[in-house]
Amino acid sequence: MSTAASPPPPPPPEPTIADLVDRLSEQTSRLVRDEMKLARSELTEKAKQGGTAAGLFGAGAILAWFGFGLLLTTLVLVLALFLPAWAAALIVTVVVLIAAGIAALLGKKKTEGLTPTPERTVETVRQDIDEIKERI
């Protein structure tokens, strides 16, 4: 008994332009949603870290404020042993104001490098755009 070879199955039909546009629209929507989720999670993570850091910084600043006030009082009392009290207080005040100016300048310099930009999200969006450009 001989078996005749069955004909090969027909090739799948080529997708139509409408199918391709639908797929593109669906994939673009999914890509945008995924990028938005990434940006949201990245910004949430940065906000949590910033909040914790701000709280700790605030607690440290309050304690340092009291400690520094006591130290300044001690310095005024020590200088008052050798100078009139008003001169001792004036010297300590001038030194404190100079230190405050230096700290403010250093703080300003530190803030220049901060950006609220979600760097990873921007990078992945750039990669997505490059990939889309290559495929078009």
N, C-alpha and C. Protein backbone atom coordinates (compact mmCIF):
# COMPACT_ATOMS: atom_id res chain seq x y z
N MET A 1 0.85 -1.16 0.00
CA MET A 1 0.00 0.00 0.00
C MET A 1 0.90 1.23 0.00
N SER A 2 0.78 2.01 -0.95
CA SER A 2 1.62 3.19 -1.07
C SER A 2 0.86 4.40 -0.52
N THR A 3 1.59 5.21 0.18
CA THR A 3 0.96 6.42 0.72
C THR A 3 1.45 7.60 -0.10
N ALA A 4 0.55 8.35 -0.51
CA ALA A 4 0.91 9.54 -1.29
C ALA A 4 1.29 10.64 -0.33
N ALA A 5 2.31 11.35 -0.69
CA ALA A 5 2.75 12.46 0.15
C ALA A 5 1.69 13.55 0.12
N SER A 6 1.35 14.01 1.31
CA SER A 6 0.35 15.09 1.37
C SER A 6 1.02 16.41 1.03
N PRO A 7 0.28 17.29 0.42
CA PRO A 7 0.88 18.57 0.05
C PRO A 7 1.25 19.36 1.30
N PRO A 8 2.31 20.17 1.23
CA PRO A 8 2.71 20.97 2.40
C PRO A 8 1.60 21.97 2.74
N PRO A 9 1.50 22.29 4.04
CA PRO A 9 0.47 23.26 4.43
C PRO A 9 0.77 24.61 3.78
N PRO A 10 -0.27 25.35 3.50
CA PRO A 10 -0.05 26.67 2.88
C PRO A 10 0.66 27.60 3.85
N PRO A 11 1.50 28.48 3.34
CA PRO A 11 2.20 29.42 4.23
C PRO A 11 1.19 30.35 4.90
N PRO A 12 1.51 30.79 6.12
CA PRO A 12 0.57 31.70 6.80
C PRO A 12 0.43 32.99 5.98
N PRO A 13 -0.75 33.56 6.01
CA PRO A 13 -0.96 34.78 5.23
C PRO A 13 -0.12 35.92 5.78
N GLU A 14 0.34 36.78 4.92
CA GLU A 14 1.10 37.96 5.32
C GLU A 14 0.18 38.90 6.10
N PRO A 15 0.70 39.50 7.19
CA PRO A 15 -0.15 40.43 7.93
C PRO A 15 -0.46 41.66 7.06
N THR A 16 -1.65 42.14 7.26
CA THR A 16 -2.06 43.32 6.50
C THR A 16 -1.49 44.57 7.16
N ILE A 17 -1.57 45.68 6.45
CA ILE A 17 -1.10 46.95 7.00
C ILE A 17 -1.89 47.28 8.26
N ALA A 18 -3.18 47.00 8.25
CA ALA A 18 -4.02 47.27 9.43
C ALA A 18 -3.54 46.45 10.62
N ASP A 19 -3.18 45.16 10.37
CA ASP A 19 -2.67 44.32 11.46
C ASP A 19 -1.36 44.88 12.00
N LEU A 20 -0.48 45.29 11.11
CA LEU A 20 0.80 45.84 11.54
C LEU A 20 0.62 47.13 12.34
N VAL A 21 -0.30 48.00 11.89
CA VAL A 21 -0.56 49.25 12.61
C VAL A 21 -1.16 48.96 13.98
N ASP A 22 -2.06 47.96 14.05
CA ASP A 22 -2.63 47.57 15.35
C ASP A 22 -1.55 47.07 16.29
N ARG A 23 -0.66 46.22 15.77
CA ARG A 23 0.44 45.70 16.59
C ARG A 23 1.35 46.83 17.07
N LEU A 24 1.67 47.74 16.15
CA LEU A 24 2.53 48.87 16.50
C LEU A 24 1.88 49.72 17.59
N SER A 25 0.61 49.97 17.44
CA SER A 25 -0.11 50.77 18.43
C SER A 25 -0.12 50.07 19.79
N GLU A 26 -0.38 48.79 19.78
CA GLU A 26 -0.41 48.01 21.03
C GLU A 26 0.96 47.98 21.70
N GLN A 27 2.00 47.74 20.91
CA GLN A 27 3.35 47.67 21.47
C GLN A 27 3.83 49.04 21.95
N THR A 28 3.47 50.07 21.24
CA THR A 28 3.84 51.42 21.66
C THR A 28 3.16 51.77 22.98
N SER A 29 1.88 51.43 23.09
CA SER A 29 1.16 51.70 24.33
C SER A 29 1.78 50.95 25.50
N ARG A 30 2.12 49.67 25.26
CA ARG A 30 2.73 48.88 26.32
C ARG A 30 4.09 49.47 26.71
N LEU A 31 4.86 49.89 25.72
CA LEU A 31 6.17 50.48 25.97
C LEU A 31 6.04 51.76 26.79
N VAL A 32 5.11 52.61 26.44
CA VAL A 32 4.91 53.86 27.19
C VAL A 32 4.48 53.56 28.62
N ARG A 33 3.56 52.60 28.80
CA ARG A 33 3.12 52.23 30.15
C ARG A 33 4.29 51.70 30.98
N ASP A 34 5.11 50.85 30.37
CA ASP A 34 6.26 50.29 31.09
C ASP A 34 7.26 51.38 31.46
N GLU A 35 7.50 52.31 30.57
CA GLU A 35 8.43 53.40 30.87
C GLU A 35 7.87 54.29 31.99
N MET A 36 6.57 54.51 31.98
CA MET A 36 5.96 55.32 33.04
C MET A 36 6.06 54.61 34.39
N LYS A 37 5.87 53.29 34.39
CA LYS A 37 6.02 52.53 35.64
C LYS A 37 7.45 52.62 36.16
N LEU A 38 8.41 52.50 35.25
CA LEU A 38 9.82 52.60 35.65
C LEU A 38 10.12 53.98 36.23
N ALA A 39 9.64 55.01 35.57
CA ALA A 39 9.88 56.38 36.06
C ALA A 39 9.24 56.57 37.43
N ARG A 40 8.00 56.09 37.59
CA ARG A 40 7.30 56.24 38.86
C ARG A 40 8.05 55.52 39.97
N SER A 41 8.49 54.28 39.72
CA SER A 41 9.20 53.54 40.76
C SER A 41 10.55 54.18 41.09
N GLU A 42 11.23 54.69 40.07
CA GLU A 42 12.52 55.34 40.31
C GLU A 42 12.35 56.62 41.13
N LEU A 43 11.34 57.42 40.80
CA LEU A 43 11.11 58.65 41.55
C LEU A 43 10.64 58.36 42.96
N THR A 44 9.83 57.30 43.15
CA THR A 44 9.38 56.92 44.49
C THR A 44 10.58 56.52 45.35
N GLU A 45 11.48 55.73 44.77
CA GLU A 45 12.68 55.31 45.50
C GLU A 45 13.53 56.51 45.90
N LYS A 46 13.71 57.44 44.98
CA LYS A 46 14.50 58.64 45.30
C LYS A 46 13.82 59.49 46.37
N ALA A 47 12.50 59.59 46.31
CA ALA A 47 11.77 60.39 47.30
C ALA A 47 11.90 59.77 48.69
N LYS A 48 11.82 58.45 48.78
CA LYS A 48 11.96 57.78 50.08
C LYS A 48 13.35 58.03 50.67
N GLN A 49 14.36 57.87 49.83
CA GLN A 49 15.74 58.10 50.30
C GLN A 49 15.92 59.55 50.73
N GLY A 50 15.37 60.46 49.95
CA GLY A 50 15.49 61.88 50.28
C GLY A 50 14.77 62.22 51.58
N GLY A 51 13.59 61.63 51.80
CA GLY A 51 12.84 61.88 53.03
C GLY A 51 13.58 61.37 54.25
N THR A 52 14.12 60.17 54.15
CA THR A 52 14.89 59.62 55.28
C THR A 52 16.11 60.48 55.56
N ALA A 53 16.81 60.84 54.51
CA ALA A 53 18.00 61.67 54.69
C ALA A 53 17.64 63.02 55.32
N ALA A 54 16.54 63.62 54.87
CA ALA A 54 16.13 64.92 55.41
C ALA A 54 15.77 64.80 56.90
N GLY A 55 15.09 63.73 57.27
CA GLY A 55 14.75 63.53 58.69
C GLY A 55 15.98 63.39 59.56
N LEU A 56 16.92 62.57 59.11
CA LEU A 56 18.16 62.39 59.88
C LEU A 56 18.97 63.67 59.93
N PHE A 57 19.01 64.37 58.82
CA PHE A 57 19.73 65.63 58.78
C PHE A 57 19.10 66.64 59.74
N GLY A 58 17.78 66.69 59.77
CA GLY A 58 17.08 67.61 60.68
C GLY A 58 17.36 67.30 62.14
N ALA A 59 17.32 66.01 62.51
CA ALA A 59 17.61 65.63 63.89
C ALA A 59 19.05 66.00 64.26
N GLY A 60 19.97 65.71 63.35
CA GLY A 60 21.37 66.06 63.62
C GLY A 60 21.57 67.56 63.74
N ALA A 61 20.85 68.30 62.90
CA ALA A 61 20.99 69.76 62.94
C ALA A 61 20.48 70.35 64.25
N ILE A 62 19.37 69.83 64.75
CA ILE A 62 18.83 70.33 66.02
C ILE A 62 19.80 70.06 67.17
N LEU A 63 20.31 68.84 67.22
CA LEU A 63 21.27 68.51 68.28
C LEU A 63 22.55 69.33 68.16
N ALA A 64 23.01 69.51 66.94
CA ALA A 64 24.21 70.31 66.74
C ALA A 64 23.97 71.77 67.12
N TRP A 65 22.77 72.26 66.85
CA TRP A 65 22.42 73.63 67.20
C TRP A 65 22.58 73.87 68.70
N PHE A 66 22.02 72.97 69.50
CA PHE A 66 22.14 73.11 70.95
C PHE A 66 23.58 72.95 71.42
N GLY A 67 24.27 71.96 70.87
CA GLY A 67 25.67 71.76 71.25
C GLY A 67 26.54 72.95 70.88
N PHE A 68 26.28 73.50 69.70
CA PHE A 68 27.07 74.64 69.26
C PHE A 68 26.78 75.87 70.12
N GLY A 69 25.53 76.04 70.49
CA GLY A 69 25.18 77.16 71.37
C GLY A 69 25.89 77.06 72.72
N LEU A 70 25.95 75.86 73.25
CA LEU A 70 26.65 75.68 74.52
C LEU A 70 28.16 75.91 74.36
N LEU A 71 28.72 75.47 73.26
CA LEU A 71 30.14 75.69 73.01
C LEU A 71 30.44 77.18 72.90
N LEU A 72 29.59 77.90 72.18
CA LEU A 72 29.79 79.34 72.04
C LEU A 72 29.69 80.06 73.38
N THR A 73 28.75 79.63 74.18
CA THR A 73 28.62 80.22 75.52
C THR A 73 29.89 79.98 76.33
N THR A 74 30.42 78.77 76.22
CA THR A 74 31.66 78.44 76.92
C THR A 74 32.81 79.32 76.43
N LEU A 75 32.90 79.51 75.11
CA LEU A 75 33.97 80.36 74.58
C LEU A 75 33.85 81.80 75.06
N VAL A 76 32.63 82.31 75.07
CA VAL A 76 32.43 83.68 75.56
C VAL A 76 32.86 83.78 77.02
N LEU A 77 32.49 82.80 77.84
CA LEU A 77 32.85 82.85 79.26
C LEU A 77 34.37 82.75 79.46
N VAL A 78 35.04 81.94 78.62
CA VAL A 78 36.50 81.82 78.73
C VAL A 78 37.16 83.13 78.33
N LEU A 79 36.73 83.71 77.22
CA LEU A 79 37.32 84.98 76.78
C LEU A 79 37.01 86.11 77.77
N ALA A 80 35.86 86.02 78.44
CA ALA A 80 35.48 87.06 79.40
C ALA A 80 36.42 87.08 80.61
N LEU A 81 37.19 86.01 80.80
CA LEU A 81 38.18 86.00 81.87
C LEU A 81 39.33 86.95 81.55
N PHE A 82 39.57 87.20 80.24
CA PHE A 82 40.69 88.04 79.82
C PHE A 82 40.29 89.38 79.22
N LEU A 83 39.03 89.48 78.73
CA LEU A 83 38.53 90.68 78.07
C LEU A 83 37.22 91.08 78.71
N PRO A 84 36.75 92.28 78.40
CA PRO A 84 35.40 92.62 78.84
C PRO A 84 34.39 91.67 78.17
N ALA A 85 33.29 91.41 78.81
CA ALA A 85 32.29 90.45 78.32
C ALA A 85 31.78 90.82 76.94
N TRP A 86 31.56 92.12 76.69
CA TRP A 86 31.04 92.53 75.37
C TRP A 86 32.03 92.22 74.27
N ALA A 87 33.35 92.39 74.54
CA ALA A 87 34.37 92.12 73.52
C ALA A 87 34.47 90.61 73.26
N ALA A 88 34.34 89.82 74.31
CA ALA A 88 34.39 88.37 74.15
C ALA A 88 33.21 87.89 73.30
N ALA A 89 32.02 88.42 73.57
CA ALA A 89 30.83 88.04 72.80
C ALA A 89 30.97 88.49 71.35
N LEU A 90 31.52 89.67 71.11
CA LEU A 90 31.68 90.18 69.75
C LEU A 90 32.66 89.32 68.96
N ILE A 91 33.76 88.93 69.55
CA ILE A 91 34.74 88.09 68.86
C ILE A 91 34.11 86.76 68.46
N VAL A 92 33.42 86.13 69.39
CA VAL A 92 32.77 84.84 69.11
C VAL A 92 31.71 85.00 68.02
N THR A 93 30.95 86.07 68.04
CA THR A 93 29.91 86.32 67.04
C THR A 93 30.50 86.47 65.65
N VAL A 94 31.58 87.23 65.52
CA VAL A 94 32.21 87.42 64.21
C VAL A 94 32.73 86.09 63.67
N VAL A 95 33.36 85.29 64.50
CA VAL A 95 33.88 83.99 64.06
C VAL A 95 32.73 83.08 63.60
N VAL A 96 31.63 83.10 64.33
CA VAL A 96 30.48 82.27 63.96
C VAL A 96 29.89 82.73 62.62
N LEU A 97 29.77 84.02 62.40
CA LEU A 97 29.22 84.52 61.15
C LEU A 97 30.12 84.18 59.95
N ILE A 98 31.42 84.22 60.14
CA ILE A 98 32.34 83.83 59.06
C ILE A 98 32.15 82.34 58.74
N ALA A 99 32.05 81.51 59.77
CA ALA A 99 31.84 80.08 59.56
C ALA A 99 30.51 79.82 58.86
N ALA A 100 29.48 80.59 59.20
CA ALA A 100 28.17 80.44 58.56
C ALA A 100 28.25 80.78 57.08
N GLY A 101 28.97 81.81 56.74
CA GLY A 101 29.13 82.18 55.33
C GLY A 101 29.85 81.10 54.53
N ILE A 102 30.88 80.54 55.11
CA ILE A 102 31.61 79.46 54.44
C ILE A 102 30.71 78.24 54.24
N ALA A 103 29.96 77.88 55.27
CA ALA A 103 29.05 76.73 55.16
C ALA A 103 27.98 76.96 54.10
N ALA A 104 27.45 78.17 54.02
CA ALA A 104 26.43 78.48 53.01
C ALA A 104 27.00 78.36 51.61
N LEU A 105 28.21 78.83 51.39
CA LEU A 105 28.84 78.73 50.07
C LEU A 105 29.09 77.27 49.69
N LEU A 106 29.55 76.48 50.65
CA LEU A 106 29.78 75.05 50.38
C LEU A 106 28.45 74.34 50.08
N GLY A 107 27.40 74.67 50.80
CA GLY A 107 26.09 74.08 50.56
C GLY A 107 25.55 74.42 49.19
N LYS A 108 25.74 75.66 48.77
CA LYS A 108 25.30 76.09 47.44
C LYS A 108 26.04 75.30 46.37
N LYS A 109 27.33 75.11 46.57
CA LYS A 109 28.13 74.37 45.59
C LYS A 109 27.66 72.92 45.49
N LYS A 110 27.28 72.31 46.61
CA LYS A 110 26.82 70.92 46.62
C LYS A 110 25.50 70.75 45.88
N THR A 111 24.61 71.72 45.95
CA THR A 111 23.30 71.60 45.32
C THR A 111 23.36 71.75 43.81
N GLU A 112 24.44 72.26 43.27
CA GLU A 112 24.55 72.47 41.82
C GLU A 112 24.54 71.16 41.05
N GLY A 113 24.97 70.06 41.64
CA GLY A 113 25.03 68.78 40.94
C GLY A 113 23.76 67.95 41.04
N LEU A 114 22.78 68.39 41.83
CA LEU A 114 21.56 67.60 42.03
C LEU A 114 20.59 67.79 40.89
N THR A 115 20.00 66.70 40.43
CA THR A 115 18.96 66.77 39.41
C THR A 115 17.81 65.85 39.81
N PRO A 116 16.57 66.27 39.58
CA PRO A 116 15.43 65.41 39.87
C PRO A 116 15.10 64.47 38.71
N THR A 117 15.95 64.41 37.71
CA THR A 117 15.69 63.62 36.51
C THR A 117 15.86 62.13 36.79
N PRO A 118 14.90 61.31 36.37
CA PRO A 118 15.07 59.85 36.50
C PRO A 118 16.00 59.34 35.41
N GLU A 119 17.28 59.23 35.72
CA GLU A 119 18.30 58.95 34.72
C GLU A 119 18.09 57.62 33.99
N ARG A 120 17.74 56.56 34.74
CA ARG A 120 17.57 55.26 34.08
C ARG A 120 16.42 55.30 33.09
N THR A 121 15.34 55.96 33.44
CA THR A 121 14.19 56.04 32.55
C THR A 121 14.55 56.81 31.28
N VAL A 122 15.24 57.91 31.44
CA VAL A 122 15.64 58.69 30.27
C VAL A 122 16.52 57.84 29.35
N GLU A 123 17.44 57.08 29.94
CA GLU A 123 18.32 56.24 29.14
C GLU A 123 17.54 55.15 28.41
N THR A 124 16.60 54.49 29.09
CA THR A 124 15.85 53.43 28.41
C THR A 124 14.93 53.99 27.33
N VAL A 125 14.39 55.19 27.54
CA VAL A 125 13.57 55.81 26.50
C VAL A 125 14.44 56.12 25.28
N ARG A 126 15.64 56.61 25.51
CA ARG A 126 16.55 56.87 24.39
C ARG A 126 16.86 55.57 23.62
N GLN A 127 17.10 54.50 24.37
CA GLN A 127 17.37 53.22 23.72
C GLN A 127 16.16 52.76 22.90
N ASP A 128 14.96 52.94 23.46
CA ASP A 128 13.74 52.55 22.74
C ASP A 128 13.58 53.35 21.45
N ILE A 129 13.85 54.64 21.52
CA ILE A 129 13.74 55.49 20.34
C ILE A 129 14.74 55.07 19.28
N ASP A 130 15.99 54.78 19.71
CA ASP A 130 17.01 54.33 18.77
C ASP A 130 16.60 53.02 18.11
N GLU A 131 16.06 52.11 18.90
CA GLU A 131 15.64 50.82 18.35
C GLU A 131 14.51 50.99 17.34
N ILE A 132 13.56 51.85 17.66
CA ILE A 132 12.45 52.09 16.74
C ILE A 132 12.95 52.72 15.44
N LYS A 133 13.90 53.67 15.56
CA LYS A 133 14.45 54.30 14.37
C LYS A 133 15.17 53.28 13.48
N GLU A 134 15.88 52.33 14.11
CA GLU A 134 16.59 51.32 13.34
C GLU A 134 15.63 50.41 12.59
N ARG A 135 14.49 50.12 13.17
CA ARG A 135 13.55 49.18 12.57
C ARG A 135 12.65 49.82 11.52
N ILE A 136 12.61 51.12 11.50
CA ILE A 136 11.73 51.79 10.52
C ILE A 136 12.42 51.93 9.20
